[in-house]
Amino acid sequence: MSELPEKIPLIILDSSESPSLFVTHHTKYMVEIPSFPSFEWDFLVIDTPKGEDLIFGFDFLNHFNPSIDWTQG
């Protein structure tokens, strides 16, 4: 894990911005998901909601443009 050159305001999952929360670190992590090619990604480090290991943000969705079945999951 490495410190970011400058902190980034955290935009909450519901699109609200919390003026007191900032992202201060990032880390590279190898991701392996069934039926998807393995890849290394530079993740911003935050405290995730209870029970979540990681959250893919817009940058991931924009880069990989995954096909998601929103009905079946």
PDB file of N, CA and C in Angstrom:
ATOM      1  N   MET A   1       0.856  -1.161   0.000  1.00  0.00           N
ATOM      2  CA  MET A   1       0.000   0.000   0.000  1.00  0.00           C
ATOM      3  C   MET A   1       0.904   1.227   0.000  1.00  0.00           C
ATOM      4  N   SER A   2       0.517   2.215  -0.797  1.00  0.00           N
ATOM      5  CA  SER A   2       1.305   3.441  -0.917  1.00  0.00           C
ATOM      6  C   SER A   2       0.419   4.660  -0.694  1.00  0.00           C
ATOM      7  N   GLU A   3       1.030   5.706  -0.177  1.00  0.00           N
ATOM      8  CA  GLU A   3       0.307   6.953   0.048  1.00  0.00           C
ATOM      9  C   GLU A   3       0.153   7.697  -1.274  1.00  0.00           C
ATOM     10  N   LEU A   4      -1.007   8.295  -1.484  1.00  0.00           N
ATOM     11  CA  LEU A   4      -1.244   9.112  -2.672  1.00  0.00           C
ATOM     12  C   LEU A   4      -0.507  10.440  -2.532  1.00  0.00           C
ATOM     13  N   PRO A   5      -0.098  11.056  -3.649  1.00  0.00           N
ATOM     14  CA  PRO A   5       0.589  12.349  -3.566  1.00  0.00           C
ATOM     15  C   PRO A   5      -0.274  13.427  -2.912  1.00  0.00           C
ATOM     16  N   GLU A   6      -1.583  13.363  -3.131  1.00  0.00           N
ATOM     17  CA  GLU A   6      -2.504  14.265  -2.440  1.00  0.00           C
ATOM     18  C   GLU A   6      -3.811  13.525  -2.196  1.00  0.00           C
ATOM     19  N   LYS A   7      -4.488  13.875  -1.116  1.00  0.00           N
ATOM     20  CA  LYS A   7      -5.716  13.165  -0.769  1.00  0.00           C
ATOM     21  C   LYS A   7      -6.846  13.529  -1.732  1.00  0.00           C
ATOM     22  N   ILE A   8      -7.773  12.572  -1.914  1.00  0.00           N
ATOM     23  CA  ILE A   8      -8.895  12.724  -2.833  1.00  0.00           C
ATOM     24  C   ILE A   8     -10.188  12.702  -2.015  1.00  0.00           C
ATOM     25  N   PRO A   9     -11.095  13.682  -2.210  1.00  0.00           N
ATOM     26  CA  PRO A   9     -12.374  13.624  -1.497  1.00  0.00           C
ATOM     27  C   PRO A   9     -13.118  12.344  -1.877  1.00  0.00           C
ATOM     28  N   LEU A  10     -13.719  11.692  -0.906  1.00  0.00           N
ATOM     29  CA  LEU A  10     -14.429  10.437  -1.138  1.00  0.00           C
ATOM     30  C   LEU A  10     -15.874  10.720  -1.524  1.00  0.00           C
ATOM     31  N   ILE A  11     -16.277  10.200  -2.685  1.00  0.00           N
ATOM     32  CA  ILE A  11     -17.669  10.284  -3.121  1.00  0.00           C
ATOM     33  C   ILE A  11     -18.329   8.980  -2.690  1.00  0.00           C
ATOM     34  N   ILE A  12     -19.330   9.060  -1.846  1.00  0.00           N
ATOM     35  CA  ILE A  12     -20.001   7.896  -1.280  1.00  0.00           C
ATOM     36  C   ILE A  12     -20.781   7.155  -2.372  1.00  0.00           C
ATOM     37  N   LEU A  13     -21.063   5.884  -2.157  1.00  0.00           N
ATOM     38  CA  LEU A  13     -21.733   5.051  -3.154  1.00  0.00           C
ATOM     39  C   LEU A  13     -23.062   5.614  -3.637  1.00  0.00           C
ATOM     40  N   ASP A  14     -23.726   6.405  -2.834  1.00  0.00           N
ATOM     41  CA  ASP A  14     -25.000   6.987  -3.267  1.00  0.00           C
ATOM     42  C   ASP A  14     -24.792   8.332  -3.969  1.00  0.00           C
ATOM     43  N   SER A  15     -23.555   8.625  -4.355  1.00  0.00           N
ATOM     44  CA  SER A  15     -23.143   9.834  -5.084  1.00  0.00           C
ATOM     45  C   SER A  15     -23.033  11.079  -4.222  1.00  0.00           C
ATOM     46  N   SER A  16     -23.231  10.955  -2.909  1.00  0.00           N
ATOM     47  CA  SER A  16     -23.046  12.123  -2.053  1.00  0.00           C
ATOM     48  C   SER A  16     -21.565  12.270  -1.711  1.00  0.00           C
ATOM     49  N   GLU A  17     -21.172  13.466  -1.394  1.00  0.00           N
ATOM     50  CA  GLU A  17     -19.779  13.726  -1.047  1.00  0.00           C
ATOM     51  C   GLU A  17     -19.703  14.045   0.436  1.00  0.00           C
ATOM     52  N   SER A  18     -18.784  13.377   1.124  1.00  0.00           N
ATOM     53  CA  SER A  18     -18.601  13.635   2.547  1.00  0.00           C
ATOM     54  C   SER A  18     -17.392  14.546   2.702  1.00  0.00           C
ATOM     55  N   PRO A  19     -17.581  15.758   3.210  1.00  0.00           N
ATOM     56  CA  PRO A  19     -16.464  16.700   3.287  1.00  0.00           C
ATOM     57  C   PRO A  19     -15.350  16.273   4.240  1.00  0.00           C
ATOM     58  N   SER A  20     -15.628  15.295   5.105  1.00  0.00           N
ATOM     59  CA  SER A  20     -14.602  14.903   6.075  1.00  0.00           C
ATOM     60  C   SER A  20     -13.895  13.598   5.718  1.00  0.00           C
ATOM     61  N   LEU A  21     -14.297  12.932   4.616  1.00  0.00           N
ATOM     62  CA  LEU A  21     -13.685  11.662   4.237  1.00  0.00           C
ATOM     63  C   LEU A  21     -12.813  11.832   3.001  1.00  0.00           C
ATOM     64  N   PHE A  22     -11.599  11.274   3.074  1.00  0.00           N
ATOM     65  CA  PHE A  22     -10.667  11.382   1.965  1.00  0.00           C
ATOM     66  C   PHE A  22      -9.983  10.045   1.722  1.00  0.00           C
ATOM     67  N   VAL A  23      -9.661   9.779   0.457  1.00  0.00           N
ATOM     68  CA  VAL A  23      -8.850   8.621   0.099  1.00  0.00           C
ATOM     69  C   VAL A  23      -7.403   9.078   0.189  1.00  0.00           C
ATOM     70  N   THR A  24      -6.588   8.335   0.914  1.00  0.00           N
ATOM     71  CA  THR A  24      -5.194   8.746   1.110  1.00  0.00           C
ATOM     72  C   THR A  24      -4.182   7.713   0.619  1.00  0.00           C
ATOM     73  N   HIS A  25      -4.642   6.475   0.299  1.00  0.00           N
ATOM     74  CA  HIS A  25      -3.719   5.412  -0.104  1.00  0.00           C
ATOM     75  C   HIS A  25      -4.261   4.624  -1.299  1.00  0.00           C
ATOM     76  N   HIS A  26      -3.366   3.925  -1.969  1.00  0.00           N
ATOM     77  CA  HIS A  26      -3.741   3.036  -3.070  1.00  0.00           C
ATOM     78  C   HIS A  26      -2.847   1.806  -3.032  1.00  0.00           C
ATOM     79  N   THR A  27      -3.281   0.750  -3.729  1.00  0.00           N
ATOM     80  CA  THR A  27      -2.489  -0.479  -3.789  1.00  0.00           C
ATOM     81  C   THR A  27      -2.808  -1.237  -5.066  1.00  0.00           C
ATOM     82  N   LYS A  28      -1.815  -1.921  -5.610  1.00  0.00           N
ATOM     83  CA  LYS A  28      -2.033  -2.788  -6.769  1.00  0.00           C
ATOM     84  C   LYS A  28      -2.447  -4.157  -6.257  1.00  0.00           C
ATOM     85  N   TYR A  29      -3.407  -4.779  -6.955  1.00  0.00           N
ATOM     86  CA  TYR A  29      -3.942  -6.065  -6.511  1.00  0.00           C
ATOM     87  C   TYR A  29      -4.304  -6.901  -7.733  1.00  0.00           C
ATOM     88  N   MET A  30      -3.921  -8.181  -7.717  1.00  0.00           N
ATOM     89  CA  MET A  30      -4.277  -9.099  -8.790  1.00  0.00           C
ATOM     90  C   MET A  30      -5.689  -9.615  -8.523  1.00  0.00           C
ATOM     91  N   VAL A  31      -6.581  -9.416  -9.478  1.00  0.00           N
ATOM     92  CA  VAL A  31      -7.981  -9.812  -9.326  1.00  0.00           C
ATOM     93  C   VAL A  31      -8.252 -11.035 -10.188  1.00  0.00           C
ATOM     94  N   GLU A  32      -8.874 -12.040  -9.587  1.00  0.00           N
ATOM     95  CA  GLU A  32      -9.262 -13.250 -10.306  1.00  0.00           C
ATOM     96  C   GLU A  32     -10.746 -13.492 -10.067  1.00  0.00           C
ATOM     97  N   ILE A  33     -11.526 -13.407 -11.153  1.00  0.00           N
ATOM     98  CA  ILE A  33     -12.975 -13.582 -11.098  1.00  0.00           C
ATOM     99  C   ILE A  33     -13.332 -14.700 -12.074  1.00  0.00           C
ATOM    100  N   PRO A  34     -14.160 -15.667 -11.663  1.00  0.00           N
ATOM    101  CA  PRO A  34     -14.560 -16.723 -12.597  1.00  0.00           C
ATOM    102  C   PRO A  34     -15.180 -16.136 -13.871  1.00  0.00           C
ATOM    103  N   SER A  35     -14.865 -16.728 -15.012  1.00  0.00           N
ATOM    104  CA  SER A  35     -15.393 -16.316 -16.322  1.00  0.00           C
ATOM    105  C   SER A  35     -14.972 -14.903 -16.719  1.00  0.00           C
ATOM    106  N   PHE A  36     -13.836 -14.450 -16.201  1.00  0.00           N
ATOM    107  CA  PHE A  36     -13.321 -13.123 -16.541  1.00  0.00           C
ATOM    108  C   PHE A  36     -11.804 -13.213 -16.505  1.00  0.00           C
ATOM    109  N   PRO A  37     -11.103 -12.579 -17.444  1.00  0.00           N
ATOM    110  CA  PRO A  37      -9.635 -12.674 -17.420  1.00  0.00           C
ATOM    111  C   PRO A  37      -9.040 -12.054 -16.148  1.00  0.00           C
ATOM    112  N   SER A  38      -8.002 -12.683 -15.601  1.00  0.00           N
ATOM    113  CA  SER A  38      -7.299 -12.116 -14.439  1.00  0.00           C
ATOM    114  C   SER A  38      -6.641 -10.804 -14.846  1.00  0.00           C
ATOM    115  N   PHE A  39      -6.536  -9.878 -13.903  1.00  0.00           N
ATOM    116  CA  PHE A  39      -5.908  -8.595 -14.203  1.00  0.00           C
ATOM    117  C   PHE A  39      -5.391  -7.965 -12.919  1.00  0.00           C
ATOM    118  N   GLU A  40      -4.419  -7.079 -13.078  1.00  0.00           N
ATOM    119  CA  GLU A  40      -3.914  -6.299 -11.949  1.00  0.00           C
ATOM    120  C   GLU A  40      -4.517  -4.905 -12.053  1.00  0.00           C
ATOM    121  N   TRP A  41      -4.973  -4.371 -10.920  1.00  0.00           N
ATOM    122  CA  TRP A  41      -5.622  -3.058 -10.919  1.00  0.00           C
ATOM    123  C   TRP A  41      -5.075  -2.240  -9.765  1.00  0.00           C
ATOM    124  N   ASP A  42      -4.961  -0.952  -9.970  1.00  0.00           N
ATOM    125  CA  ASP A  42      -4.504  -0.040  -8.925  1.00  0.00           C
ATOM    126  C   ASP A  42      -5.741   0.473  -8.185  1.00  0.00           C
ATOM    127  N   PHE A  43      -6.002  -0.088  -7.002  1.00  0.00           N
ATOM    128  CA  PHE A  43      -7.191   0.245  -6.224  1.00  0.00           C
ATOM    129  C   PHE A  43      -6.921   1.387  -5.258  1.00  0.00           C
ATOM    130  N   LEU A  44      -7.916   2.266  -5.110  1.00  0.00           N
ATOM    131  CA  LEU A  44      -7.900   3.239  -4.032  1.00  0.00           C
ATOM    132  C   LEU A  44      -8.364   2.507  -2.780  1.00  0.00           C
ATOM    133  N   VAL A  45      -7.758   2.788  -1.646  1.00  0.00           N
ATOM    134  CA  VAL A  45      -8.049   2.075  -0.403  1.00  0.00           C
ATOM    135  C   VAL A  45      -9.004   2.903   0.454  1.00  0.00           C
ATOM    136  N   ILE A  46     -10.149   2.291   0.802  1.00  0.00           N
ATOM    137  CA  ILE A  46     -11.136   2.927   1.682  1.00  0.00           C
ATOM    138  C   ILE A  46     -11.649   1.881   2.668  1.00  0.00           C
ATOM    139  N   ASP A  47     -12.358   2.328   3.702  1.00  0.00           N
ATOM    140  CA  ASP A  47     -13.109   1.410   4.550  1.00  0.00           C
ATOM    141  C   ASP A  47     -14.382   1.082   3.789  1.00  0.00           C
ATOM    142  N   THR A  48     -14.567  -0.199   3.413  1.00  0.00           N
ATOM    143  CA  THR A  48     -15.742  -0.581   2.636  1.00  0.00           C
ATOM    144  C   THR A  48     -16.929  -0.859   3.545  1.00  0.00           C
ATOM    145  N   PRO A  49     -18.139  -0.793   2.975  1.00  0.00           N
ATOM    146  CA  PRO A  49     -19.313  -1.147   3.783  1.00  0.00           C
ATOM    147  C   PRO A  49     -19.182  -2.573   4.321  1.00  0.00           C
ATOM    148  N   LYS A  50     -19.821  -2.832   5.423  1.00  0.00           N
ATOM    149  CA  LYS A  50     -19.744  -4.133   6.085  1.00  0.00           C
ATOM    150  C   LYS A  50     -20.025  -5.272   5.097  1.00  0.00           C
ATOM    151  N   GLY A  51     -19.130  -6.242   5.071  1.00  0.00           N
ATOM    152  CA  GLY A  51     -19.314  -7.420   4.240  1.00  0.00           C
ATOM    153  C   GLY A  51     -18.768  -7.304   2.827  1.00  0.00           C
ATOM    154  N   GLU A  52     -18.258  -6.153   2.432  1.00  0.00           N
ATOM    155  CA  GLU A  52     -17.726  -5.969   1.082  1.00  0.00           C
ATOM    156  C   GLU A  52     -16.208  -6.022   1.117  1.00  0.00           C
ATOM    157  N   ASP A  53     -15.620  -6.831   0.208  1.00  0.00           N
ATOM    158  CA  ASP A  53     -14.163  -6.915   0.126  1.00  0.00           C
ATOM    159  C   ASP A  53     -13.589  -5.816  -0.754  1.00  0.00           C
ATOM    160  N   LEU A  54     -14.285  -5.508  -1.846  1.00  0.00           N
ATOM    161  CA  LEU A  54     -13.845  -4.428  -2.728  1.00  0.00           C
ATOM    162  C   LEU A  54     -15.031  -3.910  -3.506  1.00  0.00           C
ATOM    163  N   ILE A  55     -14.862  -2.723  -4.039  1.00  0.00           N
ATOM    164  CA  ILE A  55     -15.906  -2.079  -4.828  1.00  0.00           C
ATOM    165  C   ILE A  55     -15.263  -1.623  -6.131  1.00  0.00           C
ATOM    166  N   PHE A  56     -15.819  -2.081  -7.258  1.00  0.00           N
ATOM    167  CA  PHE A  56     -15.328  -1.613  -8.548  1.00  0.00           C
ATOM    168  C   PHE A  56     -16.011  -0.291  -8.862  1.00  0.00           C
ATOM    169  N   GLY A  57     -15.209   0.711  -9.199  1.00  0.00           N
ATOM    170  CA  GLY A  57     -15.746   2.029  -9.491  1.00  0.00           C
ATOM    171  C   GLY A  57     -15.937   2.266 -10.975  1.00  0.00           C
ATOM    172  N   PHE A  58     -16.296   3.486 -11.305  1.00  0.00           N
ATOM    173  CA  PHE A  58     -16.560   3.858 -12.689  1.00  0.00           C
ATOM    174  C   PHE A  58     -15.339   3.636 -13.572  1.00  0.00           C
ATOM    175  N   ASP A  59     -14.136   3.888 -13.050  1.00  0.00           N
ATOM    176  CA  ASP A  59     -12.938   3.706 -13.876  1.00  0.00           C
ATOM    177  C   ASP A  59     -12.802   2.255 -14.334  1.00  0.00           C
ATOM    178  N   PHE A  60     -13.102   1.291 -13.458  1.00  0.00           N
ATOM    179  CA  PHE A  60     -13.066  -0.123 -13.828  1.00  0.00           C
ATOM    180  C   PHE A  60     -14.140  -0.429 -14.876  1.00  0.00           C
ATOM    181  N   LEU A  61     -15.384  -0.011 -14.606  1.00  0.00           N
ATOM    182  CA  LEU A  61     -16.482  -0.294 -15.527  1.00  0.00           C
ATOM    183  C   LEU A  61     -16.234   0.334 -16.893  1.00  0.00           C
ATOM    184  N   ASN A  62     -15.696   1.530 -16.915  1.00  0.00           N
ATOM    185  CA  ASN A  62     -15.389   2.207 -18.166  1.00  0.00           C
ATOM    186  C   ASN A  62     -14.275   1.487 -18.926  1.00  0.00           C
ATOM    187  N   HIS A  63     -13.256   1.023 -18.221  1.00  0.00           N
ATOM    188  CA  HIS A  63     -12.110   0.365 -18.854  1.00  0.00           C
ATOM    189  C   HIS A  63     -12.474  -1.013 -19.422  1.00  0.00           C
ATOM    190  N   PHE A  64     -13.133  -1.849 -18.622  1.00  0.00           N
ATOM    191  CA  PHE A  64     -13.416  -3.230 -19.025  1.00  0.00           C
ATOM    192  C   PHE A  64     -14.778  -3.403 -19.698  1.00  0.00           C
ATOM    193  N   ASN A  65     -15.718  -2.497 -19.450  1.00  0.00           N
ATOM    194  CA  ASN A  65     -17.060  -2.567 -20.016  1.00  0.00           C
ATOM    195  C   ASN A  65     -17.636  -3.985 -19.915  1.00  0.00           C
ATOM    196  N   PRO A  66     -17.742  -4.535 -18.683  1.00  0.00           N
ATOM    197  CA  PRO A  66     -18.196  -5.922 -18.537  1.00  0.00           C
ATOM    198  C   PRO A  66     -19.670  -6.100 -18.903  1.00  0.00           C
ATOM    199  N   SER A  67     -19.984  -7.293 -19.393  1.00  0.00           N
ATOM    200  CA  SER A  67     -21.370  -7.656 -19.667  1.00  0.00           C
ATOM    201  C   SER A  67     -21.967  -8.168 -18.358  1.00  0.00           C
ATOM    202  N   ILE A  68     -22.965  -7.476 -17.838  1.00  0.00           N
ATOM    203  CA  ILE A  68     -23.540  -7.817 -16.538  1.00  0.00           C
ATOM    204  C   ILE A  68     -25.017  -8.155 -16.704  1.00  0.00           C
ATOM    205  N   ASP A  69     -25.412  -9.316 -16.198  1.00  0.00           N
ATOM    206  CA  ASP A  69     -26.822  -9.702 -16.180  1.00  0.00           C
ATOM    207  C   ASP A  69     -27.395  -9.199 -14.859  1.00  0.00           C
ATOM    208  N   TRP A  70     -28.071  -8.062 -14.884  1.00  0.00           N
ATOM    209  CA  TRP A  70     -28.566  -7.434 -13.666  1.00  0.00           C
ATOM    210  C   TRP A  70     -29.725  -8.214 -13.041  1.00  0.00           C
ATOM    211  N   THR A  71     -30.375  -9.088 -13.808  1.00  0.00           N
ATOM    212  CA  THR A  71     -31.475  -9.893 -13.279  1.00  0.00           C
ATOM    213  C   THR A  71     -30.967 -11.125 -12.549  1.00  0.00           C
ATOM    214  N   GLN A  72     -30.036 -11.858 -13.156  1.00  0.00           N
ATOM    215  CA  GLN A  72     -29.520 -13.102 -12.584  1.00  0.00           C
ATOM    216  C   GLN A  72     -28.316 -12.893 -11.677  1.00  0.00           C
ATOM    217  N   GLY A  73     -27.607 -11.775 -11.818  1.00  0.00           N
ATOM    218  CA  GLY A  73     -26.432 -11.504 -10.988  1.00  0.00           C
ATOM    219  C   GLY A  73     -25.170 -12.111 -11.512  1.00  0.00           C
TER     220      GLY A  73
END
